[in-house]
Amino acid sequence: MDIVIRFGKNVRALRDAAGLSQEELAFQAGMKRSYLSDLERGTRNPTVRALGRLAIALNVPPSKLLE
């Protein structure tokens, strides 16, 4: 599976497990909801900064987003 697709699926699964909407997670991570949506669908490449912000907002190590 492509790493960008895997990243998006992991972000969505962790967001759902945390009971957060895209809007809530985007706010906590300091990004736009539309960017988060694109990441979850695998249509945008995540930046290192986005990976770090999402890991912090989801309270997981960054590596968890790439498993």
Protein backbone atom coordinates (compact mmCIF):
# COMPACT_ATOMS: atom_id res chain seq x y z
CA MET A 1 0.00 0.00 0.00
CA ASP A 2 1.23 3.49 -0.83
CA ILE A 3 2.62 5.29 2.23
CA VAL A 4 0.43 8.37 1.62
CA ILE A 5 -2.71 6.20 1.56
CA ARG A 6 -1.55 4.32 4.67
CA PHE A 7 -0.86 7.61 6.47
CA GLY A 8 -4.36 8.86 5.66
CA LYS A 9 -6.03 5.66 6.80
CA ASN A 10 -4.08 5.72 10.06
CA VAL A 11 -4.96 9.36 10.74
CA ARG A 12 -8.64 8.67 10.14
CA ALA A 13 -8.67 5.52 12.29
CA LEU A 14 -6.93 7.31 15.17
CA ARG A 15 -9.21 10.34 14.80
CA ASP A 16 -12.28 8.11 14.88
CA ALA A 17 -10.93 6.21 17.90
CA ALA A 18 -10.41 9.53 19.70
CA GLY A 19 -13.99 10.57 18.89
CA LEU A 20 -12.89 13.70 17.03
CA SER A 21 -14.39 15.30 13.95
CA GLN A 22 -12.13 16.47 11.16
CA GLU A 23 -12.86 20.03 12.24
CA GLU A 24 -11.81 19.34 15.84
CA LEU A 25 -8.61 17.53 14.90
CA ALA A 26 -7.67 20.15 12.33
CA PHE A 27 -8.12 22.88 14.93
CA GLN A 28 -6.00 21.03 17.49
CA ALA A 29 -3.29 20.40 14.89
CA GLY A 30 -3.32 23.98 13.61
CA MET A 31 -4.35 23.19 10.05
CA LYS A 32 -7.34 23.65 7.78
CA ARG A 33 -10.04 21.00 7.76
CA SER A 34 -9.81 20.73 3.97
CA TYR A 35 -6.09 19.91 4.21
CA LEU A 36 -6.81 17.22 6.82
CA SER A 37 -9.53 15.80 4.59
CA ASP A 38 -7.09 15.64 1.67
CA LEU A 39 -4.53 13.88 3.87
CA GLU A 40 -7.08 11.31 5.05
CA ARG A 41 -8.12 10.58 1.46
CA GLY A 42 -4.50 10.26 0.36
CA THR A 43 -4.75 13.01 -2.23
CA ARG A 44 -2.06 15.24 -0.67
CA ASN A 45 1.41 14.40 0.50
CA PRO A 46 1.86 15.10 4.20
CA THR A 47 4.67 17.39 5.26
CA VAL A 48 6.93 16.53 8.15
CA ARG A 49 5.35 19.45 10.02
CA ALA A 50 1.84 18.04 9.43
CA LEU A 51 2.95 14.60 10.60
CA GLY A 52 4.33 16.10 13.81
CA ARG A 53 1.30 18.28 14.49
CA LEU A 54 -1.13 15.41 13.94
CA ALA A 55 0.91 13.08 16.16
CA ILE A 56 0.82 15.64 18.96
CA ALA A 57 -2.91 16.33 18.51
CA LEU A 58 -3.67 12.59 18.50
CA ASN A 59 -1.23 11.95 21.39
CA VAL A 60 0.66 9.23 19.50
CA PRO A 61 4.28 8.89 18.38
CA PRO A 62 4.78 10.04 14.77
CA SER A 63 5.75 6.50 13.76
CA LYS A 64 2.22 5.33 14.64
CA LEU A 65 0.90 7.39 11.71
CA LEU A 66 3.16 5.54 9.28
CA GLU A 67 2.61 1.92 10.42
